[in-house]
PDB file of N, CA and C in Angstrom:
ATOM      1  N   LYS A   1     145.019 -32.876   7.229  1.00  0.00           N
ATOM      2  CA  LYS A   1     145.040 -33.543   5.878  1.00  0.00           C
ATOM      3  C   LYS A   1     144.302 -32.775   4.882  1.00  0.00           C
ATOM      4  N   TYR A   2     143.309 -32.036   5.229  1.00  0.00           N
ATOM      5  CA  TYR A   2     142.575 -31.109   4.235  1.00  0.00           C
ATOM      6  C   TYR A   2     143.440 -30.035   3.658  1.00  0.00           C
ATOM      7  N   ARG A   3     144.366 -29.490   4.532  1.00  0.00           N
ATOM      8  CA  ARG A   3     145.192 -28.402   4.033  1.00  0.00           C
ATOM      9  C   ARG A   3     146.225 -28.949   2.990  1.00  0.00           C
ATOM     10  N   ARG A   4     146.648 -30.221   3.331  1.00  0.00           N
ATOM     11  CA  ARG A   4     147.663 -30.780   2.361  1.00  0.00           C
ATOM     12  C   ARG A   4     146.893 -31.042   1.068  1.00  0.00           C
ATOM     13  N   THR A   5     145.617 -31.440   1.111  1.00  0.00           N
ATOM     14  CA  THR A   5     144.886 -31.799  -0.063  1.00  0.00           C
ATOM     15  C   THR A   5     144.585 -30.604  -0.934  1.00  0.00           C
ATOM     16  N   ILE A   6     144.342 -29.552  -0.216  1.00  0.00           N
ATOM     17  CA  ILE A   6     144.100 -28.254  -0.979  1.00  0.00           C
ATOM     18  C   ILE A   6     145.386 -27.748  -1.676  1.00  0.00           C
ATOM     19  N   GLN A   7     146.416 -27.900  -0.965  1.00  0.00           N
ATOM     20  CA  GLN A   7     147.727 -27.436  -1.558  1.00  0.00           C
ATOM     21  C   GLN A   7     148.052 -28.314  -2.730  1.00  0.00           C
ATOM     22  N   MET A   8     147.667 -29.635  -2.708  1.00  0.00           N
ATOM     23  CA  MET A   8     147.934 -30.486  -3.906  1.00  0.00           C
ATOM     24  C   MET A   8     146.966 -30.185  -5.077  1.00  0.00           C
ATOM     25  N   ARG A   9     146.107 -29.471  -4.766  1.00  0.00           N
ATOM     26  CA  ARG A   9     145.010 -29.152  -5.827  1.00  0.00           C
ATOM     27  C   ARG A   9     145.619 -28.562  -7.017  1.00  0.00           C
ATOM     28  N   THR A  10     146.647 -27.729  -6.831  1.00  0.00           N
ATOM     29  CA  THR A  10     147.169 -27.022  -8.116  1.00  0.00           C
ATOM     30  C   THR A  10     147.922 -27.930  -9.030  1.00  0.00           C
ATOM     31  N   SER A  11     148.346 -29.069  -8.413  1.00  0.00           N
ATOM     32  CA  SER A  11     149.169 -30.090  -9.398  1.00  0.00           C
ATOM     33  C   SER A  11     148.234 -31.188  -9.850  1.00  0.00           C
ATOM     34  N   MET A  12     146.887 -31.043  -9.718  1.00  0.00           N
ATOM     35  CA  MET A  12     145.908 -32.134 -10.237  1.00  0.00           C
ATOM     36  C   MET A  12     145.631 -31.714 -11.695  1.00  0.00           C
ATOM     37  N   PRO A  13     145.455 -32.889 -12.486  1.00  0.00           N
ATOM     38  CA  PRO A  13     145.171 -32.743 -13.922  1.00  0.00           C
ATOM     39  C   PRO A  13     143.835 -32.058 -14.294  1.00  0.00           C
ATOM     40  N   SER A  14     142.749 -32.377 -13.440  1.00  0.00           N
ATOM     41  CA  SER A  14     141.454 -31.822 -13.729  1.00  0.00           C
ATOM     42  C   SER A  14     140.640 -31.583 -12.394  1.00  0.00           C
ATOM     43  N   GLU A  15     139.526 -30.980 -12.653  1.00  0.00           N
ATOM     44  CA  GLU A  15     138.635 -30.598 -11.590  1.00  0.00           C
ATOM     45  C   GLU A  15     138.128 -31.909 -10.899  1.00  0.00           C
ATOM     46  N   LYS A  16     137.838 -32.909 -11.632  1.00  0.00           N
ATOM     47  CA  LYS A  16     137.184 -34.085 -11.311  1.00  0.00           C
ATOM     48  C   LYS A  16     138.230 -34.784 -10.300  1.00  0.00           C
ATOM     49  N   SER A  17     139.348 -34.759 -10.617  1.00  0.00           N
ATOM     50  CA  SER A  17     140.410 -35.380  -9.729  1.00  0.00           C
ATOM     51  C   SER A  17     140.569 -34.750  -8.437  1.00  0.00           C
ATOM     52  N   VAL A  18     140.368 -33.440  -8.393  1.00  0.00           N
ATOM     53  CA  VAL A  18     140.456 -32.747  -7.228  1.00  0.00           C
ATOM     54  C   VAL A  18     139.264 -33.094  -6.221  1.00  0.00           C
ATOM     55  N   ILE A  19     138.043 -33.090  -6.828  1.00  0.00           N
ATOM     56  CA  ILE A  19     136.937 -33.544  -6.059  1.00  0.00           C
ATOM     57  C   ILE A  19     137.135 -35.010  -5.565  1.00  0.00           C
ATOM     58  N   PHE A  20     137.638 -35.950  -6.317  1.00  0.00           N
ATOM     59  CA  PHE A  20     137.848 -37.250  -5.956  1.00  0.00           C
ATOM     60  C   PHE A  20     138.828 -37.402  -4.800  1.00  0.00           C
ATOM     61  N   LEU A  21     139.841 -36.606  -4.875  1.00  0.00           N
ATOM     62  CA  LEU A  21     140.852 -36.563  -3.859  1.00  0.00           C
ATOM     63  C   LEU A  21     140.273 -36.080  -2.505  1.00  0.00           C
ATOM     64  N   LEU A  22     139.405 -34.965  -2.589  1.00  0.00           N
ATOM     65  CA  LEU A  22     138.862 -34.399  -1.379  1.00  0.00           C
ATOM     66  C   LEU A  22     137.943 -35.486  -0.804  1.00  0.00           C
ATOM     67  N   ALA A  23     137.217 -36.059  -1.642  1.00  0.00           N
ATOM     68  CA  ALA A  23     136.163 -37.138  -1.241  1.00  0.00           C
ATOM     69  C   ALA A  23     136.898 -38.278  -0.434  1.00  0.00           C
ATOM     70  N   ALA A  24     137.940 -38.783  -1.133  1.00  0.00           N
ATOM     71  CA  ALA A  24     138.641 -39.856  -0.547  1.00  0.00           C
ATOM     72  C   ALA A  24     139.269 -39.499   0.804  1.00  0.00           C
ATOM     73  N   VAL A  25     139.733 -38.283   0.964  1.00  0.00           N
ATOM     74  CA  VAL A  25     140.212 -37.837   2.311  1.00  0.00           C
ATOM     75  C   VAL A  25     139.148 -37.716   3.330  1.00  0.00           C
ATOM     76  N   ALA A  26     138.015 -37.208   2.841  1.00  0.00           N
ATOM     77  CA  ALA A  26     136.847 -37.136   3.785  1.00  0.00           C
ATOM     78  C   ALA A  26     136.400 -38.482   4.256  1.00  0.00           C
ATOM     79  N   MET A  27     136.255 -39.467   3.344  1.00  0.00           N
ATOM     80  CA  MET A  27     135.886 -40.798   3.662  1.00  0.00           C
ATOM     81  C   MET A  27     136.873 -41.375   4.689  1.00  0.00           C
ATOM     82  N   GLU A  28     138.156 -41.168   4.469  1.00  0.00           N
ATOM     83  CA  GLU A  28     139.220 -41.668   5.265  1.00  0.00           C
ATOM     84  C   GLU A  28     139.001 -41.215   6.838  1.00  0.00           C
ATOM     85  N   GLU A  29     138.832 -39.870   6.786  1.00  0.00           N
ATOM     86  CA  GLU A  29     138.697 -39.178   8.081  1.00  0.00           C
ATOM     87  C   GLU A  29     137.426 -39.669   8.830  1.00  0.00           C
ATOM     88  N   THR A  30     136.290 -39.906   8.116  1.00  0.00           N
ATOM     89  CA  THR A  30     135.145 -40.449   8.742  1.00  0.00           C
ATOM     90  C   THR A  30     135.324 -41.728   9.246  1.00  0.00           C
ATOM     91  N   LYS A  31     135.967 -42.623   8.603  1.00  0.00           N
ATOM     92  CA  LYS A  31     136.084 -43.985   9.037  1.00  0.00           C
ATOM     93  C   LYS A  31     136.999 -43.972  10.270  1.00  0.00           C
ATOM     94  N   THR A  32     138.007 -43.300  10.324  1.00  0.00           N
ATOM     95  CA  THR A  32     138.894 -43.192  11.503  1.00  0.00           C
ATOM     96  C   THR A  32     138.221 -42.541  12.695  1.00  0.00           C
ATOM     97  N   THR A  33     137.420 -41.562  12.449  1.00  0.00           N
ATOM     98  CA  THR A  33     136.835 -40.882  13.526  1.00  0.00           C
ATOM     99  C   THR A  33     135.649 -41.633  14.178  1.00  0.00           C
ATOM    100  N   TYR A  34     135.029 -42.316  13.600  1.00  0.00           N
ATOM    101  CA  TYR A  34     133.892 -43.085  14.156  1.00  0.00           C
ATOM    102  C   TYR A  34     134.309 -44.545  14.545  1.00  0.00           C
ATOM    103  N   GLU A  35     135.511 -44.968  14.351  1.00  0.00           N
ATOM    104  CA  GLU A  35     135.928 -46.298  14.777  1.00  0.00           C
ATOM    105  C   GLU A  35     135.936 -46.498  16.238  1.00  0.00           C
ATOM    106  N   ARG A  36     136.283 -45.475  16.982  1.00  0.00           N
ATOM    107  CA  ARG A  36     136.340 -45.684  18.505  1.00  0.00           C
ATOM    108  C   ARG A  36     135.017 -45.505  19.098  1.00  0.00           C
ATOM    109  N   ARG A  37     134.933 -46.091  20.201  1.00  0.00           N
ATOM    110  CA  ARG A  37     133.676 -46.209  20.972  1.00  0.00           C
ATOM    111  C   ARG A  37     133.427 -44.845  21.678  1.00  0.00           C
ATOM    112  N   ILE A  38     132.174 -44.493  21.760  1.00  0.00           N
ATOM    113  CA  ILE A  38     131.888 -43.210  22.449  1.00  0.00           C
ATOM    114  C   ILE A  38     131.181 -43.627  23.744  1.00  0.00           C
ATOM    115  N   TYR A  39     131.863 -43.436  24.755  1.00  0.00           N
ATOM    116  CA  TYR A  39     131.525 -43.928  26.099  1.00  0.00           C
ATOM    117  C   TYR A  39     130.307 -43.038  26.787  1.00  0.00           C
ATOM    118  N   GLN A  40     130.164 -41.896  26.262  1.00  0.00           N
ATOM    119  CA  GLN A  40     129.082 -41.073  26.668  1.00  0.00           C
ATOM    120  C   GLN A  40     127.674 -41.713  26.322  1.00  0.00           C
ATOM    121  N   PHE A  41     127.696 -42.491  25.390  1.00  0.00           N
ATOM    122  CA  PHE A  41     126.360 -43.072  24.766  1.00  0.00           C
ATOM    123  C   PHE A  41     126.281 -44.519  25.326  1.00  0.00           C
ATOM    124  N   LYS A  42     127.057 -45.045  26.311  1.00  0.00           N
ATOM    125  CA  LYS A  42     127.062 -46.353  26.639  1.00  0.00           C
ATOM    126  C   LYS A  42     125.694 -46.884  27.165  1.00  0.00           C
ATOM    127  N   ASN A  43     125.128 -45.963  27.957  1.00  0.00           N
ATOM    128  CA  ASN A  43     123.794 -46.313  28.546  1.00  0.00           C
ATOM    129  C   ASN A  43     122.592 -45.414  28.017  1.00  0.00           C
ATOM    130  N   TRP A  44     122.773 -45.075  26.652  1.00  0.00           N
ATOM    131  CA  TRP A  44     121.912 -44.202  26.061  1.00  0.00           C
ATOM    132  C   TRP A  44     120.372 -44.619  26.196  1.00  0.00           C
ATOM    133  N   LYS A  45     120.147 -45.818  25.892  1.00  0.00           N
ATOM    134  CA  LYS A  45     118.847 -46.370  25.796  1.00  0.00           C
ATOM    135  C   LYS A  45     118.147 -46.240  27.170  1.00  0.00           C
ATOM    136  N   GLU A  46     118.887 -46.616  28.286  1.00  0.00           N
ATOM    137  CA  GLU A  46     118.329 -46.539  29.567  1.00  0.00           C
ATOM    138  C   GLU A  46     118.019 -45.048  29.941  1.00  0.00           C
ATOM    139  N   LYS A  47     118.952 -44.228  29.698  1.00  0.00           N
ATOM    140  CA  LYS A  47     118.819 -42.757  30.055  1.00  0.00           C
ATOM    141  C   LYS A  47     117.661 -42.184  29.176  1.00  0.00           C
ATOM    142  N   ASN A  48     117.604 -42.535  27.951  1.00  0.00           N
ATOM    143  CA  ASN A  48     116.470 -41.984  27.137  1.00  0.00           C
ATOM    144  C   ASN A  48     115.106 -42.445  27.699  1.00  0.00           C
ATOM    145  N   LYS A  49     115.096 -43.679  28.173  1.00  0.00           N
ATOM    146  CA  LYS A  49     113.852 -44.249  28.736  1.00  0.00           C
ATOM    147  C   LYS A  49     113.390 -43.550  29.950  1.00  0.00           C
ATOM    148  N   ILE A  50     114.395 -43.317  30.810  1.00  0.00           N
ATOM    149  CA  ILE A  50     114.053 -42.525  32.098  1.00  0.00           C
ATOM    150  C   ILE A  50     113.623 -40.943  31.669  1.00  0.00           C
ATOM    151  N   THR A  51     114.282 -40.433  30.790  1.00  0.00           N
ATOM    152  CA  THR A  51     113.879 -39.123  30.424  1.00  0.00           C
ATOM    153  C   THR A  51     112.459 -39.061  29.856  1.00  0.00           C
ATOM    154  N   VAL A  52     112.125 -40.016  28.997  1.00  0.00           N
ATOM    155  CA  VAL A  52     110.763 -40.028  28.403  1.00  0.00           C
ATOM    156  C   VAL A  52     109.784 -40.257  29.537  1.00  0.00           C
ATOM    157  N   GLU A  53     109.996 -41.130  30.513  1.00  0.00           N
ATOM    158  CA  GLU A  53     109.038 -41.347  31.570  1.00  0.00           C
ATOM    159  C   GLU A  53     108.898 -40.081  32.448  1.00  0.00           C
ATOM    160  N   VAL A  54     110.016 -39.330  32.699  1.00  0.00           N
ATOM    161  CA  VAL A  54     109.870 -38.184  33.470  1.00  0.00           C
ATOM    162  C   VAL A  54     109.031 -37.101  32.747  1.00  0.00           C
ATOM    163  N   GLN A  55     109.258 -36.981  31.354  1.00  0.00           N
ATOM    164  CA  GLN A  55     108.444 -35.981  30.603  1.00  0.00           C
ATOM    165  C   GLN A  55     106.935 -36.451  30.528  1.00  0.00           C
ATOM    166  N   ARG A  56     106.690 -37.596  30.539  1.00  0.00           N
ATOM    167  CA  ARG A  56     105.293 -37.929  30.532  1.00  0.00           C
ATOM    168  C   ARG A  56     104.556 -37.732  31.914  1.00  0.00           C
ATOM    169  N   LYS A  57     105.293 -37.808  32.985  1.00  0.00           N
ATOM    170  CA  LYS A  57     104.854 -37.576  34.336  1.00  0.00           C
ATOM    171  C   LYS A  57     104.536 -36.079  34.376  1.00  0.00           C
ATOM    172  N   GLU A  58     105.343 -35.146  33.772  1.00  0.00           N
ATOM    173  CA  GLU A  58     105.322 -33.804  33.864  1.00  0.00           C
ATOM    174  C   GLU A  58     104.045 -33.311  33.160  1.00  0.00           C
ATOM    175  N   ARG A  59     103.536 -34.031  32.171  1.00  0.00           N
ATOM    176  CA  ARG A  59     102.378 -33.559  31.410  1.00  0.00           C
ATOM    177  C   ARG A  59     101.235 -33.839  32.134  1.00  0.00           C
TER     178      ARG A  59
END
């Protein structure tokens, strides 16, 4: 999508419209990227708690 946006840049009326278009594409990509669940972080709180306890014991 970014490549298409950069190629469209030459047909834009002003620099502000190019920045607006790039920002809109970036926001769209961010929304779709973070919509899905990340299963690696499913039990993150529990794993973090165990890690902190182990680090405290090592001190």
